[in-house]
Structure formats: C-alpha cells, structure tokens
Amino acid sequence: MIDETAEEIQEMQTHSSSVVAVRAAQALEELTDREFATVEEYTRALERNGTVLRRANPSHASLQNAIREIVGDVADADPDSVADAKRLTSETIEEVVARIESGKRLAAENAVDVLEDGTTLLTHDYSSTVLEAIEQAVEAGKTFDIYVTEARPRYIGRKTARALSDLEGVNTTLITDSAHGLSLEECDRVVVGMDCIVDDTLYNRVGTFPIASTADRLDVPVTVLGSASKLVDEGFVFENEFRSASEVMAEPAEGFEVENPAYDATPVDLLESVITDEGRQTF
C-alpha cells in the first residue's frame, strides 16, 4: 500500500497539497499491521517508508512536515516494545491528520469575513481551502461572481469551476490563464491557495506569479489561504516539480524542448494578506 500510495502521489493531478499530505500520513498505518522482531527493525522500516513517501513529491511542504513528524516522534520516543511503537505511530498519524484537516477548516472560517458580499473574485488552480471558504461564505448568505483560471496544461481549474457552479449564489466563469489580466479589471480580490510559503516566497501552481503581479499593478488585493503548517521558515528547501512534456503537447517535440513546471515563486510583498488557521497576516 505504501508503494502504491507513493505512485499515486506522483501521479496526483487534481488534489490539493493537504489531501496529498493526509494520504501519505495514513499510508504509514500499514506498518502497524506487519510483524517486526524488534523496535529497531520497526523504526528502520518506518524511516525507510517515510522516505519513499517524501520522495514521491518533495515540493509539498505539508507532506514533508507530516511524514517527518510521524517518523521523528516515534524515533525520539524510543518505545520499549514494537507494540508501543505501533501504538505511538497510529496516535501520531491521527493527530497529524486531524491537525491538517482542522487547519484547513479554521483557515476557511477565518477567511469568510474577507470575502465580502456581492464582490467579484478571481481564483487560480484548485484549492480545497478556498472552496471551503467560499462555501462557508455562501452559507452565511453571501453571493459572488467568480472567475476561475483553467490552470493549464492539466486544466485543474475546471474542477474548481464545476464545484463552484454547484453553489447557489455563485456566478462562475471559467477563463484561460492568459485572460486573467482582462478579467482582473473587474475583480475586487484574488483568492488562491498555497503549496507552501518558505521565508518570503509563496510557492503555488504555476501561473500564480503573473496573476499576483498583474493584480498588484491593477491594485487588486491578493489573499492566500492555507494551513499554518504550510508556512516554513527553516529546514525545508522547495524543489519544483517538472511534469511530463506530453501534458503540454501530445505529439513528440522535434527540434525543441518542452518544459512543464508545476509551480512558480511569488514574492510575498505582492500579497495583501495570508490567512491561516492561526489568523490573518497582512503585508
């Protein structure tokens, strides 16, 4: 199951980074069903499989932090028996998953006041936290016009547009990524999720940087939503993911190369605010 989960994480195209982190954490539960002769053997297996999961997507800070916490807590506790090690593993997985899921929920709750009734928003890519924030705002009686970029080349924004179109009170329009400059002229705010923020840089789905830059030029505030666990100031070096060229064009590239980066880097000084489960930070 762990190897299968690692392969799934590598291929995941429409899931938020929080979902990826939860899947990875829960996959380690498989080890508690295996037989081990000693605590040392179990700990080595936990570390080895944790590394497999982390390598499946080194760009996701939430995944990296979740797996490191689970493996680190068990190793640092120096349990007396394999049974104790397994019990601690299960407890830590449960705590990590609960914190990730509650972090998303609280971040969404904290964002509701920023999403003003009757405004026009633009969002990019697919963020489960952004969706939850809009859902909560709609439940509070608010209405929105929302532009959604396609997030090419995998068109992840289409999933966002479909989800928003099911919400009463939301008028959804899907646009091409390159049309964001035109649509932003009508917008009151940009709302996006995040893969992570490392020091003074937001890493998110490629296309976020030009949207934030254009919004800054047009004086449209940009708000980023996500769990505080995605804010990293040390111990993590972001590694961009370059996906298959076949996602960009089906036919072989002859005489030229195709690059397909998954993320880009946006300076936080282009953002108006970052909202997490711990509150709102403005810039």
C-alpha atoms as a PDB file:
ATOM      1  CA  MET A   1       0.000   0.000   0.000  1.00  0.00           C
ATOM      2  CA  ILE A   2       2.827   2.427   0.795  1.00  0.00           C
ATOM      3  CA  ASP A   3       4.492   1.935  -2.587  1.00  0.00           C
ATOM      4  CA  GLU A   4       1.110   2.241  -4.293  1.00  0.00           C
ATOM      5  CA  THR A   5       0.371   5.441  -2.367  1.00  0.00           C
ATOM      6  CA  ALA A   6       3.758   6.865  -3.373  1.00  0.00           C
ATOM      7  CA  GLU A   7       2.958   6.147  -7.017  1.00  0.00           C
ATOM      8  CA  GLU A   8      -0.466   7.753  -6.625  1.00  0.00           C
ATOM      9  CA  ILE A   9       1.094  10.853  -5.074  1.00  0.00           C
ATOM     10  CA  GLN A  10       3.476  11.144  -8.015  1.00  0.00           C
ATOM     11  CA  GLU A  11       0.543  10.993 -10.426  1.00  0.00           C
ATOM     12  CA  MET A  12      -1.951  13.122  -8.479  1.00  0.00           C
ATOM     13  CA  GLN A  13      -3.169  15.877 -10.767  1.00  0.00           C
ATOM     14  CA  THR A  14      -6.264  17.349  -9.139  1.00  0.00           C
ATOM     15  CA  HIS A  15      -5.668  17.122  -5.394  1.00  0.00           C
ATOM     16  CA  SER A  16      -4.647  19.887  -3.017  1.00  0.00           C
ATOM     17  CA  SER A  17      -1.377  19.546  -1.098  1.00  0.00           C
ATOM     18  CA  SER A  18      -3.328  18.968   2.135  1.00  0.00           C
ATOM     19  CA  VAL A  19      -5.059  15.951   0.625  1.00  0.00           C
ATOM     20  CA  VAL A  20      -1.687  14.607  -0.518  1.00  0.00           C
ATOM     21  CA  ALA A  21      -0.269  15.009   2.994  1.00  0.00           C
ATOM     22  CA  VAL A  22      -3.202  13.177   4.562  1.00  0.00           C
ATOM     23  CA  ARG A  23      -2.923  10.306   2.069  1.00  0.00           C
ATOM     24  CA  ALA A  24       0.790   9.953   2.775  1.00  0.00           C
ATOM     25  CA  ALA A  25       0.354  10.042   6.554  1.00  0.00           C
ATOM     26  CA  GLN A  26      -2.411   7.458   6.518  1.00  0.00           C
ATOM     27  CA  ALA A  27      -0.361   5.149   4.293  1.00  0.00           C
ATOM     28  CA  LEU A  28       2.160   4.650   7.115  1.00  0.00           C
ATOM     29  CA  GLU A  29      -0.593   2.971   9.135  1.00  0.00           C
ATOM     30  CA  GLU A  30       0.080  -0.121   7.036  1.00  0.00           C
ATOM     31  CA  LEU A  31       3.260  -0.772   9.005  1.00  0.00           C
ATOM     32  CA  THR A  32       1.270  -1.334  12.179  1.00  0.00           C
ATOM     33  CA  ASP A  33      -0.210  -4.487  10.597  1.00  0.00           C
ATOM     34  CA  ARG A  34       3.174  -6.024   9.799  1.00  0.00           C
ATOM     35  CA  GLU A  35       5.297  -8.218  12.047  1.00  0.00           C
ATOM     36  CA  PHE A  36       8.649  -6.943  13.356  1.00  0.00           C
ATOM     37  CA  ALA A  37      11.101  -8.695  15.645  1.00  0.00           C
ATOM     38  CA  THR A  38      12.489  -5.582  17.336  1.00  0.00           C
ATOM     39  CA  VAL A  39      11.742  -1.906  17.840  1.00  0.00           C
ATOM     40  CA  GLU A  40      14.855  -1.074  15.830  1.00  0.00           C
ATOM     41  CA  GLU A  41      13.588  -3.105  12.873  1.00  0.00           C
ATOM     42  CA  TYR A  42      10.225  -1.349  13.045  1.00  0.00           C
ATOM     43  CA  THR A  43      11.797   2.110  13.300  1.00  0.00           C
ATOM     44  CA  ARG A  44      14.043   1.424  10.305  1.00  0.00           C
ATOM     45  CA  ALA A  45      11.013   0.340   8.292  1.00  0.00           C
ATOM     46  CA  LEU A  46       9.136   3.460   9.333  1.00  0.00           C
ATOM     47  CA  GLU A  47      12.042   5.699   8.335  1.00  0.00           C
ATOM     48  CA  ARG A  48      12.575   3.874   5.028  1.00  0.00           C
ATOM     49  CA  ASN A  49       8.915   4.027   4.028  1.00  0.00           C
ATOM     50  CA  GLY A  50       8.644   7.607   5.189  1.00  0.00           C
ATOM     51  CA  THR A  51      11.487   8.479   2.837  1.00  0.00           C
ATOM     52  CA  VAL A  52       9.692   6.727  -0.033  1.00  0.00           C
ATOM     53  CA  LEU A  53       6.589   8.830   0.575  1.00  0.00           C
ATOM     54  CA  ARG A  54       8.517  12.084   0.945  1.00  0.00           C
ATOM     55  CA  ARG A  55      10.418  11.464  -2.282  1.00  0.00           C
ATOM     56  CA  ALA A  56       7.131  10.921  -4.096  1.00  0.00           C
ATOM     57  CA  ASN A  57       6.594  14.695  -4.018  1.00  0.00           C
ATOM     58  CA  PRO A  58       9.442  16.737  -2.500  1.00  0.00           C
ATOM     59  CA  SER A  59       7.702  20.023  -3.405  1.00  0.00           C
ATOM     60  CA  HIS A  60       4.836  19.592  -0.911  1.00  0.00           C
ATOM     61  CA  ALA A  61       5.881  21.108   2.419  1.00  0.00           C
ATOM     62  CA  SER A  62       2.780  19.781   4.162  1.00  0.00           C
ATOM     63  CA  LEU A  63       3.597  16.226   3.070  1.00  0.00           C
ATOM     64  CA  GLN A  64       7.250  16.597   4.107  1.00  0.00           C
ATOM     65  CA  ASN A  65       6.338  18.019   7.514  1.00  0.00           C
ATOM     66  CA  ALA A  66       3.652  15.410   8.186  1.00  0.00           C
ATOM     67  CA  ILE A  67       5.901  12.430   7.442  1.00  0.00           C
ATOM     68  CA  ARG A  68       8.872  13.908   9.305  1.00  0.00           C
ATOM     69  CA  GLU A  69       6.709  14.497  12.378  1.00  0.00           C
ATOM     70  CA  ILE A  70       5.352  10.943  12.426  1.00  0.00           C
ATOM     71  CA  VAL A  71       8.733   9.290  11.914  1.00  0.00           C
ATOM     72  CA  GLY A  72      10.513  11.715  14.246  1.00  0.00           C
ATOM     73  CA  ASP A  73       8.041  11.362  17.104  1.00  0.00           C
ATOM     74  CA  VAL A  74       8.290   7.570  17.090  1.00  0.00           C
ATOM     75  CA  ALA A  75      12.073   7.529  16.820  1.00  0.00           C
ATOM     76  CA  ASP A  76      12.552  10.187  19.509  1.00  0.00           C
ATOM     77  CA  ALA A  77      10.208   8.424  21.937  1.00  0.00           C
ATOM     78  CA  ASP A  78      12.443   5.336  21.971  1.00  0.00           C
ATOM     79  CA  PRO A  79       9.489   2.989  22.681  1.00  0.00           C
ATOM     80  CA  ASP A  80      10.039  -0.091  24.837  1.00  0.00           C
ATOM     81  CA  SER A  81       8.313  -2.545  22.519  1.00  0.00           C
ATOM     82  CA  VAL A  82       7.115  -2.947  18.952  1.00  0.00           C
ATOM     83  CA  ALA A  83       3.559  -2.747  20.218  1.00  0.00           C
ATOM     84  CA  ASP A  84       4.296   0.615  21.858  1.00  0.00           C
ATOM     85  CA  ALA A  85       5.947   1.857  18.666  1.00  0.00           C
ATOM     86  CA  LYS A  86       2.925   0.856  16.599  1.00  0.00           C
ATOM     87  CA  ARG A  87       0.538   2.472  19.063  1.00  0.00           C
ATOM     88  CA  LEU A  88       2.534   5.708  19.006  1.00  0.00           C
ATOM     89  CA  THR A  89       2.596   5.637  15.203  1.00  0.00           C
ATOM     90  CA  SER A  90      -1.183   5.331  14.997  1.00  0.00           C
ATOM     91  CA  GLU A  91      -1.711   8.087  17.570  1.00  0.00           C
ATOM     92  CA  THR A  92       0.663  10.451  15.817  1.00  0.00           C
ATOM     93  CA  ILE A  93      -0.909   9.783  12.414  1.00  0.00           C
ATOM     94  CA  GLU A  94      -4.323  10.535  13.875  1.00  0.00           C
ATOM     95  CA  GLU A  95      -3.053  13.773  15.440  1.00  0.00           C
ATOM     96  CA  VAL A  96      -1.300  14.914  12.249  1.00  0.00           C
ATOM     97  CA  VAL A  97      -4.302  14.196  10.036  1.00  0.00           C
ATOM     98  CA  ALA A  98      -6.667  15.932  12.469  1.00  0.00           C
ATOM     99  CA  ARG A  99      -4.431  18.993  12.581  1.00  0.00           C
ATOM    100  CA  ILE A 100      -4.185  19.202   8.775  1.00  0.00           C
ATOM    101  CA  GLU A 101      -7.944  18.899   8.362  1.00  0.00           C
ATOM    102  CA  SER A 102      -8.760  21.304  11.185  1.00  0.00           C
ATOM    103  CA  GLY A 103      -6.164  23.737   9.835  1.00  0.00           C
ATOM    104  CA  LYS A 104      -7.953  23.866   6.500  1.00  0.00           C
ATOM    105  CA  ARG A 105     -11.335  24.319   8.185  1.00  0.00           C
ATOM    106  CA  LEU A 106     -10.175  27.081  10.514  1.00  0.00           C
ATOM    107  CA  ALA A 107      -8.332  28.892   7.723  1.00  0.00           C
ATOM    108  CA  ALA A 108     -11.531  28.832   5.680  1.00  0.00           C
ATOM    109  CA  GLU A 109     -13.526  30.148   8.636  1.00  0.00           C
ATOM    110  CA  ASN A 110     -11.041  32.962   9.159  1.00  0.00           C
ATOM    111  CA  ALA A 111     -11.350  33.957   5.507  1.00  0.00           C
ATOM    112  CA  VAL A 112     -15.129  34.387   5.454  1.00  0.00           C
ATOM    113  CA  ASP A 113     -15.039  37.976   6.739  1.00  0.00           C
ATOM    114  CA  VAL A 114     -12.565  38.965   3.999  1.00  0.00           C
ATOM    115  CA  LEU A 115     -14.885  37.618   1.287  1.00  0.00           C
ATOM    116  CA  GLU A 116     -17.329  40.493   1.104  1.00  0.00           C
ATOM    117  CA  ASP A 117     -20.869  40.001  -0.111  1.00  0.00           C
ATOM    118  CA  GLY A 118     -21.516  40.874  -3.749  1.00  0.00           C
ATOM    119  CA  THR A 119     -17.867  41.099  -4.768  1.00  0.00           C
ATOM    120  CA  THR A 120     -16.123  39.695  -7.822  1.00  0.00           C
ATOM    121  CA  LEU A 121     -13.262  37.279  -7.152  1.00  0.00           C
ATOM    122  CA  LEU A 122     -10.631  35.529  -9.218  1.00  0.00           C
ATOM    123  CA  THR A 123      -9.118  32.223  -8.202  1.00  0.00           C
ATOM    124  CA  HIS A 124      -6.472  30.010  -9.785  1.00  0.00           C
ATOM    125  CA  ASP A 125      -5.897  26.260  -9.770  1.00  0.00           C
ATOM    126  CA  TYR A 126      -7.745  24.078  -7.236  1.00  0.00           C
ATOM    127  CA  SER A 127      -7.625  24.735  -3.505  1.00  0.00           C
ATOM    128  CA  SER A 128      -9.862  22.807  -1.142  1.00  0.00           C
ATOM    129  CA  THR A 129      -9.370  25.566   1.457  1.00  0.00           C
ATOM    130  CA  VAL A 130     -10.500  28.287  -0.955  1.00  0.00           C
ATOM    131  CA  LEU A 131     -13.532  26.211  -1.896  1.00  0.00           C
ATOM    132  CA  GLU A 132     -14.432  25.642   1.742  1.00  0.00           C
ATOM    133  CA  ALA A 133     -14.097  29.362   2.499  1.00  0.00           C
ATOM    134  CA  ILE A 134     -16.437  30.263  -0.372  1.00  0.00           C
ATOM    135  CA  GLU A 135     -18.879  27.537   0.673  1.00  0.00           C
ATOM    136  CA  GLN A 136     -18.971  28.919   4.217  1.00  0.00           C
ATOM    137  CA  ALA A 137     -19.434  32.460   2.918  1.00  0.00           C
ATOM    138  CA  VAL A 138     -22.336  31.316   0.738  1.00  0.00           C
ATOM    139  CA  GLU A 139     -23.903  29.540   3.706  1.00  0.00           C
ATOM    140  CA  ALA A 140     -23.696  32.880   5.523  1.00  0.00           C
ATOM    141  CA  GLY A 141     -25.830  34.396   2.773  1.00  0.00           C
ATOM    142  CA  LYS A 142     -23.133  35.989   0.616  1.00  0.00           C
ATOM    143  CA  THR A 143     -23.087  35.988  -3.184  1.00  0.00           C
ATOM    144  CA  PHE A 144     -20.156  36.230  -5.588  1.00  0.00           C
ATOM    145  CA  ASP A 145     -19.118  36.474  -9.198  1.00  0.00           C
ATOM    146  CA  ILE A 146     -16.010  34.321  -9.563  1.00  0.00           C
ATOM    147  CA  TYR A 147     -13.539  33.998 -12.407  1.00  0.00           C
ATOM    148  CA  VAL A 148     -11.622  30.714 -12.442  1.00  0.00           C
ATOM    149  CA  THR A 149      -8.476  30.213 -14.500  1.00  0.00           C
ATOM    150  CA  GLU A 150      -8.071  26.884 -16.254  1.00  0.00           C
ATOM    151  CA  ALA A 151      -4.627  26.206 -14.699  1.00  0.00           C
ATOM    152  CA  ARG A 152      -3.172  24.719 -17.844  1.00  0.00           C
ATOM    153  CA  PRO A 153      -1.838  22.350 -19.019  1.00  0.00           C
ATOM    154  CA  ARG A 154      -3.803  19.979 -16.774  1.00  0.00           C
ATOM    155  CA  TYR A 155      -6.844  22.245 -16.572  1.00  0.00           C
ATOM    156  CA  ILE A 156      -7.216  21.792 -12.822  1.00  0.00           C
ATOM    157  CA  GLY A 157      -9.286  24.942 -12.681  1.00  0.00           C
ATOM    158  CA  ARG A 158     -12.107  23.133 -14.429  1.00  0.00           C
ATOM    159  CA  LYS A 159     -12.593  21.070 -11.272  1.00  0.00           C
ATOM    160  CA  THR A 160     -12.833  24.295  -9.271  1.00  0.00           C
ATOM    161  CA  ALA A 161     -15.338  25.791 -11.718  1.00  0.00           C
ATOM    162  CA  ARG A 162     -17.553  22.701 -11.529  1.00  0.00           C
ATOM    163  CA  ALA A 163     -17.511  22.770  -7.725  1.00  0.00           C
ATOM    164  CA  LEU A 164     -18.339  26.484  -7.596  1.00  0.00           C
ATOM    165  CA  SER A 165     -21.120  26.137 -10.144  1.00  0.00           C
ATOM    166  CA  ASP A 166     -22.973  23.894  -7.707  1.00  0.00           C
ATOM    167  CA  LEU A 167     -23.147  26.685  -5.117  1.00  0.00           C
ATOM    168  CA  GLU A 168     -26.292  28.785  -5.064  1.00  0.00           C
ATOM    169  CA  GLY A 169     -25.410  32.465  -5.153  1.00  0.00           C
ATOM    170  CA  VAL A 170     -22.152  31.995  -7.082  1.00  0.00           C
ATOM    171  CA  ASN A 171     -21.903  33.048 -10.716  1.00  0.00           C
ATOM    172  CA  THR A 172     -18.874  31.194 -12.110  1.00  0.00           C
ATOM    173  CA  THR A 173     -16.898  31.966 -15.266  1.00  0.00           C
ATOM    174  CA  LEU A 174     -14.023  29.804 -16.494  1.00  0.00           C
ATOM    175  CA  ILE A 175     -11.273  31.708 -18.329  1.00  0.00           C
ATOM    176  CA  THR A 176      -7.963  30.853 -19.958  1.00  0.00           C
ATOM    177  CA  ASP A 177      -4.891  31.582 -17.852  1.00  0.00           C
ATOM    178  CA  SER A 178      -3.698  34.305 -20.203  1.00  0.00           C
ATOM    179  CA  ALA A 179      -7.045  36.134 -19.908  1.00  0.00           C
ATOM    180  CA  HIS A 180      -6.526  36.927 -16.228  1.00  0.00           C
ATOM    181  CA  GLY A 181      -5.314  40.461 -16.966  1.00  0.00           C
ATOM    182  CA  LEU A 182      -8.579  41.294 -18.694  1.00  0.00           C
ATOM    183  CA  SER A 183     -10.768  39.703 -16.012  1.00  0.00           C
ATOM    184  CA  LEU A 184      -8.846  41.248 -13.118  1.00  0.00           C
ATOM    185  CA  GLU A 185     -10.040  44.685 -14.196  1.00  0.00           C
ATOM    186  CA  GLU A 186     -13.490  43.595 -12.962  1.00  0.00           C
ATOM    187  CA  CYS A 187     -12.311  41.918  -9.748  1.00  0.00           C
ATOM    188  CA  ASP A 188     -12.316  43.082  -6.143  1.00  0.00           C
ATOM    189  CA  ARG A 189      -9.954  40.399  -4.879  1.00  0.00           C
ATOM    190  CA  VAL A 190      -7.808  37.434  -5.891  1.00  0.00           C
ATOM    191  CA  VAL A 191      -8.116  34.396  -3.612  1.00  0.00           C
ATOM    192  CA  VAL A 192      -5.745  31.444  -4.043  1.00  0.00           C
ATOM    193  CA  GLY A 193      -4.439  28.551  -2.014  1.00  0.00           C
ATOM    194  CA  MET A 194      -0.803  27.700  -1.443  1.00  0.00           C
ATOM    195  CA  ASP A 195       1.535  24.805  -1.696  1.00  0.00           C
ATOM    196  CA  CYS A 196       3.755  26.500   0.855  1.00  0.00           C
ATOM    197  CA  ILE A 197       5.365  29.758   1.878  1.00  0.00           C
ATOM    198  CA  VAL A 198       9.090  29.480   2.547  1.00  0.00           C
ATOM    199  CA  ASP A 199      10.609  32.579   4.118  1.00  0.00           C
ATOM    200  CA  ASP A 200       9.371  35.423   1.865  1.00  0.00           C
ATOM    201  CA  THR A 201       8.240  33.374  -1.135  1.00  0.00           C
ATOM    202  CA  LEU A 202       4.889  31.804  -1.963  1.00  0.00           C
ATOM    203  CA  TYR A 203       5.116  28.601  -3.970  1.00  0.00           C
ATOM    204  CA  ASN A 204       1.890  27.695  -5.718  1.00  0.00           C
ATOM    205  CA  ARG A 205       0.541  26.354  -9.004  1.00  0.00           C
ATOM    206  CA  VAL A 206       2.412  27.821 -11.973  1.00  0.00           C
ATOM    207  CA  GLY A 207       0.595  30.925 -13.138  1.00  0.00           C
ATOM    208  CA  THR A 208       0.170  32.363  -9.643  1.00  0.00           C
ATOM    209  CA  PHE A 209       3.111  34.762 -10.027  1.00  0.00           C
ATOM    210  CA  PRO A 210       1.808  36.517 -13.170  1.00  0.00           C
ATOM    211  CA  ILE A 211      -1.665  36.770 -11.654  1.00  0.00           C
ATOM    212  CA  ALA A 212      -0.288  38.329  -8.458  1.00  0.00           C
ATOM    213  CA  SER A 213       1.935  40.679 -10.463  1.00  0.00           C
ATOM    214  CA  THR A 214      -0.953  41.843 -12.634  1.00  0.00           C
ATOM    215  CA  ALA A 215      -3.214  42.212  -9.602  1.00  0.00           C
ATOM    216  CA  ASP A 216      -0.571  44.336  -7.902  1.00  0.00           C
ATOM    217  CA  ARG A 217      -0.388  46.598 -10.960  1.00  0.00           C
ATOM    218  CA  LEU A 218      -4.188  46.947 -11.000  1.00  0.00           C
ATOM    219  CA  ASP A 219      -4.440  47.435  -7.214  1.00  0.00           C
ATOM    220  CA  VAL A 220      -6.450  44.260  -6.722  1.00  0.00           C
ATOM    221  CA  PRO A 221      -5.615  42.694  -3.323  1.00  0.00           C
ATOM    222  CA  VAL A 222      -4.344  39.116  -3.327  1.00  0.00           C
ATOM    223  CA  THR A 223      -5.270  36.849  -0.422  1.00  0.00           C
ATOM    224  CA  VAL A 224      -3.690  33.434   0.122  1.00  0.00           C
ATOM    225  CA  LEU A 225      -5.445  30.742   2.179  1.00  0.00           C
ATOM    226  CA  GLY A 226      -3.996  27.641   3.785  1.00  0.00           C
ATOM    227  CA  SER A 227      -2.984  25.839   6.934  1.00  0.00           C
ATOM    228  CA  ALA A 228      -0.267  27.395   9.074  1.00  0.00           C
ATOM    229  CA  SER A 229       1.636  24.110   8.670  1.00  0.00           C
ATOM    230  CA  LYS A 230       2.454  25.291   5.139  1.00  0.00           C
ATOM    231  CA  LEU A 231       4.399  28.284   6.445  1.00  0.00           C
ATOM    232  CA  VAL A 232       8.035  27.199   6.628  1.00  0.00           C
ATOM    233  CA  ASP A 233      10.960  29.313   7.810  1.00  0.00           C
ATOM    234  CA  GLU A 234      13.687  26.689   8.124  1.00  0.00           C
ATOM    235  CA  GLY A 235      14.522  23.056   7.447  1.00  0.00           C
ATOM    236  CA  PHE A 236      12.841  22.887   4.040  1.00  0.00           C
ATOM    237  CA  VAL A 237      14.147  23.666   0.571  1.00  0.00           C
ATOM    238  CA  PHE A 238      11.448  23.855  -2.074  1.00  0.00           C
ATOM    239  CA  GLU A 239      12.022  21.617  -5.088  1.00  0.00           C
ATOM    240  CA  ASN A 240       9.932  22.410  -8.130  1.00  0.00           C
ATOM    241  CA  GLU A 241       8.278  19.554  -9.952  1.00  0.00           C
ATOM    242  CA  PHE A 242       8.685  19.300 -13.713  1.00  0.00           C
ATOM    243  CA  ARG A 243       5.996  17.135 -15.195  1.00  0.00           C
ATOM    244  CA  SER A 244       5.823  15.273 -18.490  1.00  0.00           C
ATOM    245  CA  ALA A 245       6.045  17.266 -21.715  1.00  0.00           C
ATOM    246  CA  SER A 246       3.152  15.169 -23.016  1.00  0.00           C
ATOM    247  CA  GLU A 247       0.825  17.227 -20.803  1.00  0.00           C
ATOM    248  CA  VAL A 248       1.725  20.272 -22.893  1.00  0.00           C
ATOM    249  CA  MET A 249       1.610  18.663 -26.345  1.00  0.00           C
ATOM    250  CA  ALA A 250       0.708  15.126 -27.307  1.00  0.00           C
ATOM    251  CA  GLU A 251       2.969  14.848 -30.346  1.00  0.00           C
ATOM    252  CA  PRO A 252       6.754  14.492 -29.982  1.00  0.00           C
ATOM    253  CA  ALA A 253       8.751  17.719 -29.775  1.00  0.00           C
ATOM    254  CA  GLU A 254      11.139  17.772 -32.711  1.00  0.00           C
ATOM    255  CA  GLY A 255      13.924  20.343 -32.689  1.00  0.00           C
ATOM    256  CA  PHE A 256      12.903  21.969 -29.400  1.00  0.00           C
ATOM    257  CA  GLU A 257      12.390  21.176 -25.738  1.00  0.00           C
ATOM    258  CA  VAL A 258       9.232  21.414 -23.650  1.00  0.00           C
ATOM    259  CA  GLU A 259       9.337  22.434 -20.000  1.00  0.00           C
ATOM    260  CA  ASN A 260       6.317  21.832 -17.794  1.00  0.00           C
ATOM    261  CA  PRO A 261       6.931  23.240 -14.284  1.00  0.00           C
ATOM    262  CA  ALA A 262       4.207  22.581 -11.732  1.00  0.00           C
ATOM    263  CA  TYR A 263       4.831  25.624  -9.512  1.00  0.00           C
ATOM    264  CA  ASP A 264       6.162  29.156  -9.611  1.00  0.00           C
ATOM    265  CA  ALA A 265       7.513  31.551  -6.978  1.00  0.00           C
ATOM    266  CA  THR A 266       5.676  34.702  -5.903  1.00  0.00           C
ATOM    267  CA  PRO A 267       7.285  37.266  -3.570  1.00  0.00           C
ATOM    268  CA  VAL A 268       5.024  37.784  -0.562  1.00  0.00           C
ATOM    269  CA  ASP A 269       5.222  41.552  -0.994  1.00  0.00           C
ATOM    270  CA  LEU A 270       2.822  41.097  -3.918  1.00  0.00           C
ATOM    271  CA  LEU A 271       0.236  39.713  -1.467  1.00  0.00           C
ATOM    272  CA  GLU A 272      -2.231  41.726   0.568  1.00  0.00           C
ATOM    273  CA  SER A 273      -2.714  39.003   3.158  1.00  0.00           C
ATOM    274  CA  VAL A 274      -2.204  35.377   4.130  1.00  0.00           C
ATOM    275  CA  ILE A 275      -4.987  33.738   6.139  1.00  0.00           C
ATOM    276  CA  THR A 276      -4.340  30.525   8.058  1.00  0.00           C
ATOM    277  CA  ASP A 277      -5.883  28.700  10.985  1.00  0.00           C
ATOM    278  CA  GLU A 278      -3.803  30.981  13.197  1.00  0.00           C
ATOM    279  CA  GLY A 279      -5.290  34.178  11.795  1.00  0.00           C
ATOM    280  CA  ARG A 280      -4.605  36.836   9.187  1.00  0.00           C
ATOM    281  CA  GLN A 281      -1.199  38.276   8.329  1.00  0.00           C
ATOM    282  CA  THR A 282      -1.041  41.397   6.160  1.00  0.00           C
ATOM    283  CA  PHE A 283       1.862  42.745   4.110  1.00  0.00           C
END
